[in-house]
Amino acid sequence: MSGYSVQIVQKVADKEDMHPTELDCTLGDVVDPDALNQLIESLEENDENSNAVLRFGFCGYTVSVSPAGNIEIH
């Protein structure tokens, strides 16, 4: 797991105030981390100005990723 996948896991762990390895769920339980990285990289390369947002649930949070690569955890 690398790139955006690592950032997402770290941001969720930060919200939970714990180390990423202490989370009760894994990103791989909800999405293929390599496919996620490729999708976000493709969005960045092809349409950084798009209003589209990739959203999915992870560890009780909603993860939102913009085509510019901005990650928000709600």
PDB file of N, CA and C in Angstrom:
ATOM      1  N   MET A   1       0.859  -1.172   0.000  1.00  0.00           N
ATOM      2  CA  MET A   1       0.000   0.000   0.000  1.00  0.00           C
ATOM      3  C   MET A   1       0.903   1.232   0.000  1.00  0.00           C
ATOM      4  N   SER A   2       0.576   2.164  -0.882  1.00  0.00           N
ATOM      5  CA  SER A   2       1.398   3.372  -0.946  1.00  0.00           C
ATOM      6  C   SER A   2       0.554   4.549  -1.404  1.00  0.00           C
ATOM      7  N   GLY A   3       1.183   5.692  -1.485  1.00  0.00           N
ATOM      8  CA  GLY A   3       0.537   6.879  -2.019  1.00  0.00           C
ATOM      9  C   GLY A   3      -0.694   7.310  -1.255  1.00  0.00           C
ATOM     10  N   TYR A   4      -1.770   7.498  -1.992  1.00  0.00           N
ATOM     11  CA  TYR A   4      -3.005   8.002  -1.397  1.00  0.00           C
ATOM     12  C   TYR A   4      -3.575   7.045  -0.364  1.00  0.00           C
ATOM     13  N   SER A   5      -3.438   5.763  -0.596  1.00  0.00           N
ATOM     14  CA  SER A   5      -3.951   4.775   0.361  1.00  0.00           C
ATOM     15  C   SER A   5      -3.328   4.971   1.731  1.00  0.00           C
ATOM     16  N   VAL A   6      -2.040   5.177   1.768  1.00  0.00           N
ATOM     17  CA  VAL A   6      -1.342   5.397   3.041  1.00  0.00           C
ATOM     18  C   VAL A   6      -1.831   6.689   3.690  1.00  0.00           C
ATOM     19  N   GLN A   7      -1.988   7.739   2.892  1.00  0.00           N
ATOM     20  CA  GLN A   7      -2.473   9.017   3.434  1.00  0.00           C
ATOM     21  C   GLN A   7      -3.864   8.876   4.041  1.00  0.00           C
ATOM     22  N   ILE A   8      -4.737   8.134   3.374  1.00  0.00           N
ATOM     23  CA  ILE A   8      -6.099   7.940   3.870  1.00  0.00           C
ATOM     24  C   ILE A   8      -6.082   7.202   5.193  1.00  0.00           C
ATOM     25  N   VAL A   9      -5.332   6.111   5.270  1.00  0.00           N
ATOM     26  CA  VAL A   9      -5.246   5.339   6.514  1.00  0.00           C
ATOM     27  C   VAL A   9      -4.673   6.208   7.627  1.00  0.00           C
ATOM     28  N   GLN A  10      -3.647   6.987   7.336  1.00  0.00           N
ATOM     29  CA  GLN A  10      -3.031   7.843   8.347  1.00  0.00           C
ATOM     30  C   GLN A  10      -4.005   8.904   8.842  1.00  0.00           C
ATOM     31  N   LYS A  11      -4.757   9.510   7.927  1.00  0.00           N
ATOM     32  CA  LYS A  11      -5.716  10.547   8.327  1.00  0.00           C
ATOM     33  C   LYS A  11      -6.820   9.973   9.216  1.00  0.00           C
ATOM     34  N   VAL A  12      -7.290   8.778   8.905  1.00  0.00           N
ATOM     35  CA  VAL A  12      -8.307   8.146   9.747  1.00  0.00           C
ATOM     36  C   VAL A  12      -7.708   7.798  11.107  1.00  0.00           C
ATOM     37  N   ALA A  13      -6.505   7.268  11.118  1.00  0.00           N
ATOM     38  CA  ALA A  13      -5.836   6.949  12.388  1.00  0.00           C
ATOM     39  C   ALA A  13      -5.645   8.213  13.227  1.00  0.00           C
ATOM     40  N   ASP A  14      -5.288   9.314  12.587  1.00  0.00           N
ATOM     41  CA  ASP A  14      -5.146  10.581  13.310  1.00  0.00           C
ATOM     42  C   ASP A  14      -6.469  10.999  13.945  1.00  0.00           C
ATOM     43  N   LYS A  15      -7.574  10.826  13.208  1.00  0.00           N
ATOM     44  CA  LYS A  15      -8.896  11.159  13.762  1.00  0.00           C
ATOM     45  C   LYS A  15      -9.208  10.297  14.981  1.00  0.00           C
ATOM     46  N   GLU A  16      -8.745   9.057  14.940  1.00  0.00           N
ATOM     47  CA  GLU A  16      -8.987   8.121  16.044  1.00  0.00           C
ATOM     48  C   GLU A  16      -7.927   8.240  17.137  1.00  0.00           C
ATOM     49  N   ASP A  17      -6.921   9.088  16.909  1.00  0.00           N
ATOM     50  CA  ASP A  17      -5.819   9.285  17.847  1.00  0.00           C
ATOM     51  C   ASP A  17      -5.111   7.964  18.165  1.00  0.00           C
ATOM     52  N   MET A  18      -4.759   7.247  17.091  1.00  0.00           N
ATOM     53  CA  MET A  18      -4.047   5.983  17.261  1.00  0.00           C
ATOM     54  C   MET A  18      -3.118   5.741  16.079  1.00  0.00           C
ATOM     55  N   HIS A  19      -2.274   4.750  16.221  1.00  0.00           N
ATOM     56  CA  HIS A  19      -1.368   4.351  15.148  1.00  0.00           C
ATOM     57  C   HIS A  19      -2.183   3.611  14.088  1.00  0.00           C
ATOM     58  N   PRO A  20      -1.844   3.774  12.806  1.00  0.00           N
ATOM     59  CA  PRO A  20      -2.612   3.106  11.749  1.00  0.00           C
ATOM     60  C   PRO A  20      -2.764   1.589  11.931  1.00  0.00           C
ATOM     61  N   THR A  21      -1.767   0.947  12.499  1.00  0.00           N
ATOM     62  CA  THR A  21      -1.862  -0.508  12.684  1.00  0.00           C
ATOM     63  C   THR A  21      -2.840  -0.894  13.787  1.00  0.00           C
ATOM     64  N   GLU A  22      -3.287   0.084  14.576  1.00  0.00           N
ATOM     65  CA  GLU A  22      -4.235  -0.192  15.653  1.00  0.00           C
ATOM     66  C   GLU A  22      -5.694  -0.057  15.210  1.00  0.00           C
ATOM     67  N   LEU A  23      -5.940   0.400  13.985  1.00  0.00           N
ATOM     68  CA  LEU A  23      -7.311   0.539  13.495  1.00  0.00           C
ATOM     69  C   LEU A  23      -7.983  -0.830  13.442  1.00  0.00           C
ATOM     70  N   ASP A  24      -9.290  -0.859  13.703  1.00  0.00           N
ATOM     71  CA  ASP A  24     -10.047  -2.109  13.695  1.00  0.00           C
ATOM     72  C   ASP A  24     -10.386  -2.597  12.292  1.00  0.00           C
ATOM     73  N   CYS A  25     -10.178  -1.769  11.289  1.00  0.00           N
ATOM     74  CA  CYS A  25     -10.478  -2.158   9.915  1.00  0.00           C
ATOM     75  C   CYS A  25      -9.261  -1.869   9.036  1.00  0.00           C
ATOM     76  N   THR A  26      -9.250  -2.486   7.873  1.00  0.00           N
ATOM     77  CA  THR A  26      -8.175  -2.217   6.923  1.00  0.00           C
ATOM     78  C   THR A  26      -8.779  -1.649   5.645  1.00  0.00           C
ATOM     79  N   LEU A  27      -8.022  -0.832   4.962  1.00  0.00           N
ATOM     80  CA  LEU A  27      -8.503  -0.235   3.725  1.00  0.00           C
ATOM     81  C   LEU A  27      -8.842  -1.323   2.708  1.00  0.00           C
ATOM     82  N   GLY A  28      -8.076  -2.391   2.716  1.00  0.00           N
ATOM     83  CA  GLY A  28      -8.315  -3.501   1.803  1.00  0.00           C
ATOM     84  C   GLY A  28      -9.649  -4.191   2.016  1.00  0.00           C
ATOM     85  N   ASP A  29     -10.284  -3.959   3.172  1.00  0.00           N
ATOM     86  CA  ASP A  29     -11.617  -4.523   3.424  1.00  0.00           C
ATOM     87  C   ASP A  29     -12.690  -3.827   2.590  1.00  0.00           C
ATOM     88  N   VAL A  30     -12.441  -2.592   2.174  1.00  0.00           N
ATOM     89  CA  VAL A  30     -13.466  -1.825   1.464  1.00  0.00           C
ATOM     90  C   VAL A  30     -13.098  -1.464   0.030  1.00  0.00           C
ATOM     91  N   VAL A  31     -11.811  -1.454  -0.280  1.00  0.00           N
ATOM     92  CA  VAL A  31     -11.379  -1.071  -1.624  1.00  0.00           C
ATOM     93  C   VAL A  31      -9.985  -1.646  -1.869  1.00  0.00           C
ATOM     94  N   ASP A  32      -9.665  -1.918  -3.112  1.00  0.00           N
ATOM     95  CA  ASP A  32      -8.324  -2.370  -3.472  1.00  0.00           C
ATOM     96  C   ASP A  32      -7.401  -1.147  -3.423  1.00  0.00           C
ATOM     97  N   PRO A  33      -6.442  -1.109  -2.482  1.00  0.00           N
ATOM     98  CA  PRO A  33      -5.586   0.078  -2.335  1.00  0.00           C
ATOM     99  C   PRO A  33      -4.822   0.457  -3.603  1.00  0.00           C
ATOM    100  N   ASP A  34      -4.330  -0.526  -4.345  1.00  0.00           N
ATOM    101  CA  ASP A  34      -3.593  -0.213  -5.572  1.00  0.00           C
ATOM    102  C   ASP A  34      -4.518   0.388  -6.629  1.00  0.00           C
ATOM    103  N   ALA A  35      -5.721  -0.171  -6.753  1.00  0.00           N
ATOM    104  CA  ALA A  35      -6.691   0.370  -7.712  1.00  0.00           C
ATOM    105  C   ALA A  35      -7.102   1.787  -7.310  1.00  0.00           C
ATOM    106  N   LEU A  36      -7.261   2.017  -6.010  1.00  0.00           N
ATOM    107  CA  LEU A  36      -7.607   3.352  -5.516  1.00  0.00           C
ATOM    108  C   LEU A  36      -6.522   4.358  -5.888  1.00  0.00           C
ATOM    109  N   ASN A  37      -5.266   4.003  -5.647  1.00  0.00           N
ATOM    110  CA  ASN A  37      -4.153   4.894  -5.999  1.00  0.00           C
ATOM    111  C   ASN A  37      -4.156   5.203  -7.493  1.00  0.00           C
ATOM    112  N   GLN A  38      -4.356   4.168  -8.311  1.00  0.00           N
ATOM    113  CA  GLN A  38      -4.361   4.364  -9.761  1.00  0.00           C
ATOM    114  C   GLN A  38      -5.515   5.257 -10.203  1.00  0.00           C
ATOM    115  N   LEU A  39      -6.686   5.060  -9.602  1.00  0.00           N
ATOM    116  CA  LEU A  39      -7.844   5.878  -9.956  1.00  0.00           C
ATOM    117  C   LEU A  39      -7.601   7.346  -9.622  1.00  0.00           C
ATOM    118  N   ILE A  40      -7.097   7.620  -8.437  1.00  0.00           N
ATOM    119  CA  ILE A  40      -6.850   9.011  -8.034  1.00  0.00           C
ATOM    120  C   ILE A  40      -5.774   9.641  -8.910  1.00  0.00           C
ATOM    121  N   GLU A  41      -4.714   8.898  -9.197  1.00  0.00           N
ATOM    122  CA  GLU A  41      -3.656   9.419 -10.068  1.00  0.00           C
ATOM    123  C   GLU A  41      -4.203   9.714 -11.459  1.00  0.00           C
ATOM    124  N   SER A  42      -5.084   8.850 -11.949  1.00  0.00           N
ATOM    125  CA  SER A  42      -5.696   9.058 -13.259  1.00  0.00           C
ATOM    126  C   SER A  42      -6.577  10.305 -13.258  1.00  0.00           C
ATOM    127  N   LEU A  43      -7.344  10.501 -12.192  1.00  0.00           N
ATOM    128  CA  LEU A  43      -8.175  11.704 -12.080  1.00  0.00           C
ATOM    129  C   LEU A  43      -7.312  12.961 -12.073  1.00  0.00           C
ATOM    130  N   GLU A  44      -6.203  12.907 -11.338  1.00  0.00           N
ATOM    131  CA  GLU A  44      -5.296  14.066 -11.269  1.00  0.00           C
ATOM    132  C   GLU A  44      -4.737  14.407 -12.642  1.00  0.00           C
ATOM    133  N   GLU A  45      -4.320  13.375 -13.365  1.00  0.00           N
ATOM    134  CA  GLU A  45      -3.681  13.589 -14.664  1.00  0.00           C
ATOM    135  C   GLU A  45      -4.662  14.070 -15.722  1.00  0.00           C
ATOM    136  N   ASN A  46      -5.910  13.610 -15.634  1.00  0.00           N
ATOM    137  CA  ASN A  46      -6.854  13.856 -16.717  1.00  0.00           C
ATOM    138  C   ASN A  46      -7.832  14.993 -16.500  1.00  0.00           C
ATOM    139  N   ASP A  47      -8.185  15.294 -15.273  1.00  0.00           N
ATOM    140  CA  ASP A  47      -9.213  16.309 -15.083  1.00  0.00           C
ATOM    141  C   ASP A  47      -9.134  16.942 -13.703  1.00  0.00           C
ATOM    142  N   GLU A  48      -8.040  17.597 -13.418  1.00  0.00           N
ATOM    143  CA  GLU A  48      -7.815  18.206 -12.108  1.00  0.00           C
ATOM    144  C   GLU A  48      -8.850  19.283 -11.781  1.00  0.00           C
ATOM    145  N   ASN A  49      -9.481  19.866 -12.796  1.00  0.00           N
ATOM    146  CA  ASN A  49     -10.456  20.937 -12.574  1.00  0.00           C
ATOM    147  C   ASN A  49     -11.892  20.429 -12.472  1.00  0.00           C
ATOM    148  N   SER A  50     -12.079  19.139 -12.491  1.00  0.00           N
ATOM    149  CA  SER A  50     -13.416  18.554 -12.412  1.00  0.00           C
ATOM    150  C   SER A  50     -14.031  18.782 -11.034  1.00  0.00           C
ATOM    151  N   ASN A  51     -15.348  18.809 -10.979  1.00  0.00           N
ATOM    152  CA  ASN A  51     -16.067  18.916  -9.712  1.00  0.00           C
ATOM    153  C   ASN A  51     -16.360  17.546  -9.115  1.00  0.00           C
ATOM    154  N   ALA A  52     -15.969  16.495  -9.804  1.00  0.00           N
ATOM    155  CA  ALA A  52     -16.231  15.136  -9.328  1.00  0.00           C
ATOM    156  C   ALA A  52     -15.460  14.872  -8.039  1.00  0.00           C
ATOM    157  N   VAL A  53     -16.050  14.042  -7.186  1.00  0.00           N
ATOM    158  CA  VAL A  53     -15.404  13.658  -5.932  1.00  0.00           C
ATOM    159  C   VAL A  53     -15.594  12.159  -5.749  1.00  0.00           C
ATOM    160  N   LEU A  54     -14.533  11.471  -5.405  1.00  0.00           N
ATOM    161  CA  LEU A  54     -14.594  10.050  -5.087  1.00  0.00           C
ATOM    162  C   LEU A  54     -14.896   9.931  -3.600  1.00  0.00           C
ATOM    163  N   ARG A  55     -15.964   9.193  -3.254  1.00  0.00           N
ATOM    164  CA  ARG A  55     -16.334   9.021  -1.843  1.00  0.00           C
ATOM    165  C   ARG A  55     -16.538   7.547  -1.548  1.00  0.00           C
ATOM    166  N   PHE A  56     -16.105   7.161  -0.344  1.00  0.00           N
ATOM    167  CA  PHE A  56     -16.362   5.802   0.117  1.00  0.00           C
ATOM    168  C   PHE A  56     -16.263   5.772   1.635  1.00  0.00           C
ATOM    169  N   GLY A  57     -16.848   4.760   2.230  1.00  0.00           N
ATOM    170  CA  GLY A  57     -16.811   4.614   3.675  1.00  0.00           C
ATOM    171  C   GLY A  57     -15.613   3.799   4.115  1.00  0.00           C
ATOM    172  N   PHE A  58     -15.025   4.215   5.242  1.00  0.00           N
ATOM    173  CA  PHE A  58     -13.877   3.496   5.798  1.00  0.00           C
ATOM    174  C   PHE A  58     -13.817   3.743   7.298  1.00  0.00           C
ATOM    175  N   CYS A  59     -13.887   2.700   8.076  1.00  0.00           N
ATOM    176  CA  CYS A  59     -13.779   2.765   9.543  1.00  0.00           C
ATOM    177  C   CYS A  59     -14.794   3.730  10.165  1.00  0.00           C
ATOM    178  N   GLY A  60     -15.993   3.782   9.603  1.00  0.00           N
ATOM    179  CA  GLY A  60     -17.021   4.651  10.153  1.00  0.00           C
ATOM    180  C   GLY A  60     -16.963   6.089   9.669  1.00  0.00           C
ATOM    181  N   TYR A  61     -16.041   6.402   8.800  1.00  0.00           N
ATOM    182  CA  TYR A  61     -15.896   7.749   8.245  1.00  0.00           C
ATOM    183  C   TYR A  61     -16.236   7.728   6.760  1.00  0.00           C
ATOM    184  N   THR A  62     -16.542   8.897   6.225  1.00  0.00           N
ATOM    185  CA  THR A  62     -16.672   9.059   4.783  1.00  0.00           C
ATOM    186  C   THR A  62     -15.391   9.709   4.294  1.00  0.00           C
ATOM    187  N   VAL A  63     -14.736   9.046   3.362  1.00  0.00           N
ATOM    188  CA  VAL A  63     -13.503   9.557   2.764  1.00  0.00           C
ATOM    189  C   VAL A  63     -13.884  10.218   1.447  1.00  0.00           C
ATOM    190  N   SER A  64     -13.443  11.447   1.244  1.00  0.00           N
ATOM    191  CA  SER A  64     -13.687  12.179   0.000  1.00  0.00           C
ATOM    192  C   SER A  64     -12.345  12.557  -0.603  1.00  0.00           C
ATOM    193  N   VAL A  65     -12.186  12.250  -1.896  1.00  0.00           N
ATOM    194  CA  VAL A  65     -10.945  12.582  -2.596  1.00  0.00           C
ATOM    195  C   VAL A  65     -11.313  13.342  -3.861  1.00  0.00           C
ATOM    196  N   SER A  66     -10.745  14.538  -4.001  1.00  0.00           N
ATOM    197  CA  SER A  66     -11.007  15.360  -5.185  1.00  0.00           C
ATOM    198  C   SER A  66     -10.039  14.972  -6.300  1.00  0.00           C
ATOM    199  N   PRO A  67     -10.354  15.352  -7.551  1.00  0.00           N
ATOM    200  CA  PRO A  67      -9.438  15.073  -8.652  1.00  0.00           C
ATOM    201  C   PRO A  67      -8.061  15.714  -8.458  1.00  0.00           C
ATOM    202  N   ALA A  68      -7.985  16.752  -7.626  1.00  0.00           N
ATOM    203  CA  ALA A  68      -6.696  17.389  -7.341  1.00  0.00           C
ATOM    204  C   ALA A  68      -5.910  16.606  -6.294  1.00  0.00           C
ATOM    205  N   GLY A  69      -6.512  15.528  -5.761  1.00  0.00           N
ATOM    206  CA  GLY A  69      -5.817  14.707  -4.773  1.00  0.00           C
ATOM    207  C   GLY A  69      -6.028  15.136  -3.338  1.00  0.00           C
ATOM    208  N   ASN A  70      -6.938  16.081  -3.104  1.00  0.00           N
ATOM    209  CA  ASN A  70      -7.225  16.518  -1.734  1.00  0.00           C
ATOM    210  C   ASN A  70      -8.073  15.469  -1.028  1.00  0.00           C
ATOM    211  N   ILE A  71      -7.650  15.091   0.165  1.00  0.00           N
ATOM    212  CA  ILE A  71      -8.331  14.053   0.933  1.00  0.00           C
ATOM    213  C   ILE A  71      -8.995  14.687   2.144  1.00  0.00           C
ATOM    214  N   GLU A  72     -10.295  14.394   2.315  1.00  0.00           N
ATOM    215  CA  GLU A  72     -11.025  14.852   3.494  1.00  0.00           C
ATOM    216  C   GLU A  72     -11.668  13.643   4.152  1.00  0.00           C
ATOM    217  N   ILE A  73     -11.657  13.640   5.474  1.00  0.00           N
ATOM    218  CA  ILE A  73     -12.257  12.569   6.259  1.00  0.00           C
ATOM    219  C   ILE A  73     -13.376  13.187   7.089  1.00  0.00           C
ATOM    220  N   HIS A  74     -14.598  12.669   6.942  1.00  0.00           N
ATOM    221  CA  HIS A  74     -15.762  13.201   7.677  1.00  0.00           C
ATOM    222  C   HIS A  74     -16.390  12.097   8.499  1.00  0.00           C
TER     223      HIS A  74
END
